[in-house]
Amino acid sequence: MFDEGLAELHTHLGGSVASEILWSLAHEQGIALPVKDYWEFDALVTVSDPRGVANLDALDRIYHWTELIQSSPLAVERSVHAAIGGAYRSQRITTLELRFNPMKRNRGGERDLDHIILAAVRGLDLARLEYPQVRCGLILMMDRTFEPRQNEIVIEKAIRWASRGVVGVDIAGPRPGGGRYDYTQIKPMVETAREAGLGVTIHVGEEGETGAEELGEVIEHLRPDRIGHGILAAHDPELMRLLREAGTVLEICPTSNLLTKALANEDAVRDTFRTFVENGVVFTIATDGPEMMHTHLRDELELLERIGALTREELEAANQRGHEASFIPR
């Protein structure tokens, strides 16, 4: 099973580095932490409660700490290298895309943005030397709380570093004021990235009262290659039709969706996957951040088979789709 190895297309750098590495990085950089005990720190930078978090805002508060610790060239390089090596050694992941927002790692402009991205590229290059079996690439992320010019700069940097391993762009982050986010405002940035040959994936349709409307807007106006999460489409035949006709690939993260309450329980996970299979909506399986979520990609696959969400053949097809839908050149 999975002769080519596993494909992981949706994992955040802030959630992909082991707590002990983050602990050391924090101390090496002299970062003042709110806790002095390692195990309290581990609870700070992971979803340590098996019941999950209250909502995505609570998850963002965890990301605040991992992003702060990774806010230096040294930390970014070490984090990228560790995430790729760990993924291959523990899971035999052979296609891996790591996503991160460089502007959330430059201390509000204190660090040079190109130095941060170059550090990520160095980590990528070192991992490629050590693990030539792994196809790996970086996705740079815009943010829903950013001003338009900030997101434009992220796209400009993605294009600049495309020849060195940046393969795609994304957007995530809290909705300003908690209301519906207007995705049409980033259409010019997305088109610029697409024209430059970068892949496009968009975080949308995971949760919220306006999530389904946002998902429809993204499919129609942004036309992404892939969508991060997109699980709300399972409740809307029209959205599933649009996804099917566009051939958009969903990146579904089962454990993450359970921990954030985006999916209420394992029955909801099973129903979501069966609905997508029956309606011809294509997807890959991912973790969102294995260390932060206390899971691994093989755990996700075993969960889906155990609860009857996917058969072994369907799991193999989803994994193969991950290799094929990757933005990393073969």
Protein backbone atom coordinates (compact mmCIF):
# COMPACT_ATOMS: atom_id res chain seq x y z
CA MET A 1 0.00 0.00 0.00
CA PHE A 2 1.23 3.51 -0.85
CA ASP A 3 4.25 2.26 -2.81
CA GLU A 4 5.17 5.84 -3.80
CA GLY A 5 5.13 6.97 -0.20
CA LEU A 6 2.61 9.42 1.21
CA ALA A 7 1.66 12.86 -0.08
CA GLU A 8 1.01 15.72 2.40
CA LEU A 9 -0.19 18.91 0.71
CA HIS A 10 -1.69 20.84 3.62
CA THR A 11 0.54 21.40 6.61
CA HIS A 12 1.55 24.66 8.24
CA LEU A 13 5.16 25.24 9.23
CA GLY A 14 3.97 26.50 12.62
CA GLY A 15 2.27 23.16 13.29
CA SER A 16 4.88 20.85 11.75
CA VAL A 17 7.84 21.22 14.12
CA ALA A 18 8.21 19.13 17.27
CA SER A 19 7.79 20.91 20.59
CA GLU A 20 11.32 20.03 21.75
CA ILE A 21 12.79 21.78 18.71
CA LEU A 22 10.62 24.86 19.25
CA TRP A 23 11.64 24.85 22.94
CA SER A 24 15.33 24.92 22.02
CA LEU A 25 14.81 27.57 19.33
CA ALA A 26 12.98 29.80 21.79
CA HIS A 27 15.84 29.59 24.28
CA GLU A 28 18.55 30.03 21.66
CA GLN A 29 16.90 33.29 20.59
CA GLY A 30 16.24 34.53 24.12
CA ILE A 31 12.47 34.67 23.65
CA ALA A 32 10.63 35.42 26.88
CA LEU A 33 8.13 32.59 27.28
CA PRO A 34 5.15 32.72 29.65
CA VAL A 35 6.10 29.32 31.08
CA LYS A 36 9.35 27.86 32.44
CA ASP A 37 8.52 24.14 32.34
CA TYR A 38 8.85 22.18 29.10
CA TRP A 39 5.55 20.33 29.54
CA GLU A 40 3.69 23.57 30.11
CA PHE A 41 5.35 24.84 26.94
CA ASP A 42 4.23 21.75 25.03
CA ALA A 43 0.65 22.51 26.06
CA LEU A 44 1.14 26.10 24.89
CA VAL A 45 2.20 25.22 21.33
CA THR A 46 -0.05 22.22 20.64
CA VAL A 47 -3.72 21.32 20.84
CA SER A 48 -3.05 19.46 24.07
CA ASP A 49 -6.67 18.96 25.13
CA PRO A 50 -8.10 15.89 23.33
CA ARG A 51 -11.45 17.72 23.24
CA GLY A 52 -9.82 20.26 20.96
CA VAL A 53 -10.09 24.05 20.96
CA ALA A 54 -13.16 26.23 21.24
CA ASN A 55 -12.82 27.66 17.71
CA LEU A 56 -10.36 28.80 15.07
CA ASP A 57 -9.54 31.95 17.05
CA ALA A 58 -8.26 29.73 19.86
CA LEU A 59 -6.13 27.86 17.33
CA ASP A 60 -4.72 31.17 16.08
CA ARG A 61 -3.57 31.93 19.62
CA ILE A 62 -1.51 28.73 19.56
CA TYR A 63 -0.06 29.70 16.18
CA HIS A 64 0.95 33.05 17.65
CA TRP A 65 3.57 31.30 19.75
CA THR A 66 4.96 29.03 17.06
CA GLU A 67 5.15 31.94 14.61
CA LEU A 68 6.93 34.10 17.20
CA ILE A 69 9.50 31.37 17.86
CA GLN A 70 10.02 30.92 14.13
CA SER A 71 10.57 34.66 13.59
CA SER A 72 14.24 34.61 12.64
CA PRO A 73 16.28 33.22 9.73
CA LEU A 74 17.90 30.68 12.05
CA ALA A 75 14.57 29.41 13.34
CA VAL A 76 12.90 29.26 9.94
CA GLU A 77 15.76 27.32 8.38
CA ARG A 78 15.86 24.83 11.24
CA SER A 79 12.07 24.47 11.22
CA VAL A 80 11.78 23.74 7.49
CA HIS A 81 14.64 21.25 7.62
CA ALA A 82 13.19 19.50 10.68
CA ALA A 83 9.66 19.34 9.27
CA ILE A 84 10.75 17.71 6.00
CA GLY A 85 13.15 15.25 7.60
CA GLY A 86 10.65 14.32 10.28
CA ALA A 87 7.91 13.75 7.72
CA TYR A 88 10.03 11.31 5.74
CA ARG A 89 11.52 9.48 8.71
CA SER A 90 8.28 8.99 10.63
CA GLN A 91 5.69 8.69 7.85
CA ARG A 92 7.66 8.07 4.63
CA ILE A 93 6.10 11.20 3.12
CA THR A 94 7.67 11.63 -0.30
CA THR A 95 5.65 14.63 -1.53
CA LEU A 96 5.47 17.47 0.98
CA GLU A 97 4.35 21.09 0.69
CA LEU A 98 4.99 23.35 3.68
CA ARG A 99 3.04 26.59 3.94
CA PHE A 100 3.80 29.67 6.02
CA ASN A 101 3.31 33.41 6.10
CA PRO A 102 6.72 35.14 5.96
CA MET A 103 5.26 38.43 7.23
CA LYS A 104 4.22 36.70 10.45
CA ARG A 105 7.86 35.73 10.96
CA ASN A 106 9.66 39.05 10.43
CA ARG A 107 8.68 40.68 13.73
CA GLY A 108 6.51 43.34 12.14
CA GLY A 109 9.24 44.44 9.74
CA GLU A 110 12.18 44.13 12.14
CA ARG A 111 13.53 41.24 10.08
CA ASP A 112 14.09 41.48 6.34
CA LEU A 113 11.43 39.50 4.51
CA ASP A 114 13.81 38.14 1.88
CA HIS A 115 16.14 36.87 4.62
CA ILE A 116 13.24 34.95 6.15
CA ILE A 117 12.30 33.37 2.82
CA LEU A 118 15.93 32.64 1.96
CA ALA A 119 16.26 30.85 5.29
CA ALA A 120 13.26 28.68 4.39
CA VAL A 121 14.86 27.93 1.03
CA ARG A 122 18.13 26.94 2.76
CA GLY A 123 16.20 24.57 5.00
CA LEU A 124 14.51 23.15 1.91
CA ASP A 125 17.83 22.68 0.11
CA LEU A 126 19.46 20.97 3.09
CA ALA A 127 16.50 18.60 3.44
CA ARG A 128 16.66 17.77 -0.26
CA LEU A 129 20.32 16.83 0.10
CA GLU A 130 19.64 14.57 3.08
CA TYR A 131 16.36 13.13 1.77
CA PRO A 132 16.54 13.03 -2.05
CA GLN A 133 13.49 10.74 -2.04
CA VAL A 134 11.27 13.68 -1.01
CA ARG A 135 9.75 16.17 -3.42
CA CYS A 136 9.26 19.25 -1.29
CA GLY A 137 8.20 22.84 -1.85
CA LEU A 138 7.03 25.98 -0.06
CA ILE A 139 3.68 27.79 -0.21
CA LEU A 140 3.69 31.45 0.86
CA MET A 141 0.55 32.65 2.59
CA MET A 142 -1.36 35.89 2.49
CA ASP A 143 -3.60 36.76 5.43
CA ARG A 144 -7.22 37.88 5.76
CA THR A 145 -6.22 40.48 8.37
CA PHE A 146 -3.62 42.12 6.12
CA GLU A 147 -3.98 45.31 4.15
CA PRO A 148 -4.03 44.76 0.35
CA ARG A 149 -0.46 46.03 -0.07
CA GLN A 150 0.83 43.50 2.45
CA ASN A 151 -0.76 40.64 0.52
CA GLU A 152 0.62 42.05 -2.72
CA ILE A 153 4.11 41.93 -1.23
CA VAL A 154 3.66 38.28 -0.25
CA ILE A 155 2.79 37.48 -3.88
CA GLU A 156 5.74 39.51 -5.18
CA LYS A 157 8.06 37.55 -2.90
CA ALA A 158 6.52 34.22 -3.94
CA ILE A 159 7.21 35.04 -7.58
CA ARG A 160 10.74 36.24 -6.81
CA TRP A 161 11.61 33.00 -5.03
CA ALA A 162 9.73 30.62 -7.36
CA SER A 163 12.96 29.39 -8.92
CA ARG A 164 14.25 28.37 -5.49
CA GLY A 165 11.39 26.21 -4.26
CA VAL A 166 8.32 28.41 -3.70
CA VAL A 167 5.61 26.56 -5.60
CA GLY A 168 2.31 28.16 -4.60
CA VAL A 169 0.32 30.78 -2.69
CA ASP A 170 -2.51 30.65 -0.17
CA ILE A 171 -4.51 32.86 2.18
CA ALA A 172 -5.74 32.13 5.70
CA GLY A 173 -6.07 33.87 9.05
CA PRO A 174 -8.96 35.22 11.12
CA ARG A 175 -11.79 37.11 9.47
CA PRO A 176 -11.54 40.81 10.39
CA GLY A 177 -14.36 41.50 12.84
CA GLY A 178 -15.53 37.93 12.52
CA GLY A 179 -17.69 38.74 9.49
CA ARG A 180 -17.68 37.46 5.95
CA TYR A 181 -14.38 37.93 4.15
CA ASP A 182 -14.47 39.45 0.66
CA TYR A 183 -12.23 37.11 -1.34
CA THR A 184 -12.71 39.11 -4.53
CA GLN A 185 -10.28 41.72 -3.18
CA ILE A 186 -7.37 39.32 -3.61
CA LYS A 187 -8.31 38.30 -7.15
CA PRO A 188 -5.61 40.53 -8.72
CA MET A 189 -2.96 38.97 -6.48
CA VAL A 190 -4.14 35.45 -7.28
CA GLU A 191 -4.14 36.14 -11.02
CA THR A 192 -0.61 37.57 -10.82
CA ALA A 193 0.60 34.45 -9.03
CA ARG A 194 -1.15 32.15 -11.50
CA GLU A 195 0.31 33.99 -14.49
CA ALA A 196 3.77 33.54 -12.98
CA GLY A 197 3.23 29.76 -12.88
CA LEU A 198 2.53 29.37 -9.17
CA GLY A 199 -0.14 27.02 -7.85
CA VAL A 200 -3.12 28.52 -6.03
CA THR A 201 -4.79 27.06 -2.97
CA ILE A 202 -7.24 28.96 -0.76
CA HIS A 203 -8.33 28.38 2.83
CA VAL A 204 -12.13 28.52 2.71
CA GLY A 205 -15.28 26.58 3.53
CA GLU A 206 -14.08 25.13 6.80
CA GLU A 207 -16.54 26.72 9.23
CA GLY A 208 -18.64 29.76 10.01
CA GLU A 209 -22.08 30.99 9.05
CA THR A 210 -20.71 32.60 5.89
CA GLY A 211 -18.31 29.78 5.03
CA ALA A 212 -20.45 28.27 2.28
CA GLU A 213 -21.01 31.68 0.64
CA GLU A 214 -17.28 32.37 0.76
CA LEU A 215 -16.61 28.98 -0.81
CA GLY A 216 -18.90 29.74 -3.73
CA GLU A 217 -17.23 33.12 -4.20
CA VAL A 218 -13.78 31.56 -4.23
CA ILE A 219 -14.70 28.90 -6.80
CA GLU A 220 -16.31 31.46 -9.09
CA HIS A 221 -13.85 34.36 -8.84
CA LEU A 222 -10.49 32.92 -7.79
CA ARG A 223 -10.66 29.54 -9.56
CA PRO A 224 -8.02 27.91 -7.33
CA ASP A 225 -6.32 24.64 -8.20
CA ARG A 226 -7.01 23.43 -4.68
CA ILE A 227 -8.98 24.49 -1.62
CA GLY A 228 -7.84 24.11 1.97
CA HIS A 229 -10.64 22.26 3.80
CA GLY A 230 -13.84 23.13 1.85
CA ILE A 231 -15.84 20.64 3.92
CA LEU A 232 -18.98 22.83 4.04
CA ALA A 233 -19.56 21.94 0.39
CA ALA A 234 -20.83 18.54 1.55
CA HIS A 235 -24.08 20.25 2.62
CA ASP A 236 -24.64 22.01 -0.73
CA PRO A 237 -25.24 20.09 -3.99
CA GLU A 238 -24.62 23.23 -6.05
CA LEU A 239 -21.20 23.81 -4.48
CA MET A 240 -20.29 20.18 -5.08
CA ARG A 241 -21.33 20.56 -8.71
CA LEU A 242 -19.11 23.62 -9.08
CA LEU A 243 -16.17 21.84 -7.46
CA ARG A 244 -16.69 18.78 -9.64
CA GLU A 245 -16.91 20.77 -12.86
CA ALA A 246 -13.87 22.88 -11.97
CA GLY A 247 -11.85 19.82 -10.95
CA THR A 248 -10.84 21.62 -7.75
CA VAL A 249 -9.06 19.38 -5.26
CA LEU A 250 -9.98 19.72 -1.59
CA GLU A 251 -7.28 19.34 1.06
CA ILE A 252 -9.17 17.72 3.95
CA CYS A 253 -7.66 17.45 7.44
CA PRO A 254 -9.92 15.14 9.49
CA THR A 255 -8.33 15.36 12.95
CA SER A 256 -7.88 19.11 12.66
CA ASN A 257 -11.53 19.52 11.71
CA LEU A 258 -12.55 17.47 14.74
CA LEU A 259 -10.30 19.43 17.11
CA THR A 260 -11.58 22.81 15.87
CA LYS A 261 -15.22 21.61 15.97
CA ALA A 262 -15.57 22.19 12.22
CA LEU A 263 -16.82 18.59 12.19
CA ALA A 264 -18.75 17.56 15.28
CA ASN A 265 -17.72 13.92 15.53
CA GLU A 266 -16.51 10.87 13.62
CA ASP A 267 -19.97 10.31 12.17
CA ALA A 268 -19.77 13.78 10.60
CA VAL A 269 -16.32 12.95 9.22
CA ARG A 270 -17.65 9.75 7.65
CA ASP A 271 -20.73 11.47 6.21
CA THR A 272 -18.62 14.26 4.71
CA PHE A 273 -16.25 11.89 2.94
CA ARG A 274 -18.99 9.57 1.71
CA THR A 275 -20.93 12.55 0.34
CA PHE A 276 -17.87 13.78 -1.57
CA VAL A 277 -17.16 10.32 -2.97
CA GLU A 278 -20.76 9.85 -4.08
CA ASN A 279 -20.82 13.29 -5.73
CA GLY A 280 -17.48 13.03 -7.52
CA VAL A 281 -15.72 15.75 -5.49
CA VAL A 282 -11.99 15.03 -5.43
CA PHE A 283 -9.81 15.45 -2.35
CA THR A 284 -6.52 14.65 -0.66
CA ILE A 285 -5.90 13.78 3.00
CA ALA A 286 -3.69 16.00 5.16
CA THR A 287 -2.89 16.86 8.79
CA ASP A 288 -2.91 20.70 8.93
CA GLY A 289 0.08 20.41 11.28
CA PRO A 290 1.03 17.00 12.68
CA GLU A 291 2.92 18.17 15.75
CA MET A 292 0.40 20.79 16.81
CA MET A 293 -2.54 18.42 16.26
CA HIS A 294 -0.81 15.40 17.85
CA THR A 295 -1.44 13.31 14.75
CA HIS A 296 0.41 12.01 11.71
CA LEU A 297 -0.68 11.32 8.16
CA ARG A 298 -0.85 7.56 8.67
CA ASP A 299 -3.06 8.19 11.72
CA GLU A 300 -5.43 10.14 9.47
CA LEU A 301 -5.60 7.31 6.94
CA GLU A 302 -6.18 4.72 9.67
CA LEU A 303 -8.93 6.87 11.20
CA LEU A 304 -10.78 7.16 7.90
CA GLU A 305 -10.58 3.43 7.23
CA ARG A 306 -11.59 2.55 10.81
CA ILE A 307 -14.76 4.66 10.80
CA GLY A 308 -15.80 3.54 7.31
CA ALA A 309 -15.25 6.93 5.70
CA LEU A 310 -13.05 5.52 2.93
CA THR A 311 -12.10 2.07 1.73
CA ARG A 312 -8.46 1.12 1.34
CA GLU A 313 -8.77 1.55 -2.43
CA GLU A 314 -10.25 5.03 -1.95
CA LEU A 315 -7.44 5.93 0.44
CA GLU A 316 -4.86 4.83 -2.10
CA ALA A 317 -6.60 6.91 -4.77
CA ALA A 318 -6.65 9.98 -2.51
CA ASN A 319 -2.95 9.57 -1.75
CA GLN A 320 -2.09 9.16 -5.43
CA ARG A 321 -4.15 12.28 -6.14
CA GLY A 322 -1.97 14.10 -3.62
CA HIS A 323 1.16 13.28 -5.58
CA GLU A 324 -0.52 14.35 -8.81
CA ALA A 325 -2.14 17.55 -7.46
CA SER A 326 1.07 18.83 -5.90
CA PHE A 327 2.45 22.12 -7.18
CA ILE A 328 5.99 20.71 -7.04
CA PRO A 329 7.42 20.03 -10.51
CA ARG A 330 8.18 16.39 -11.18
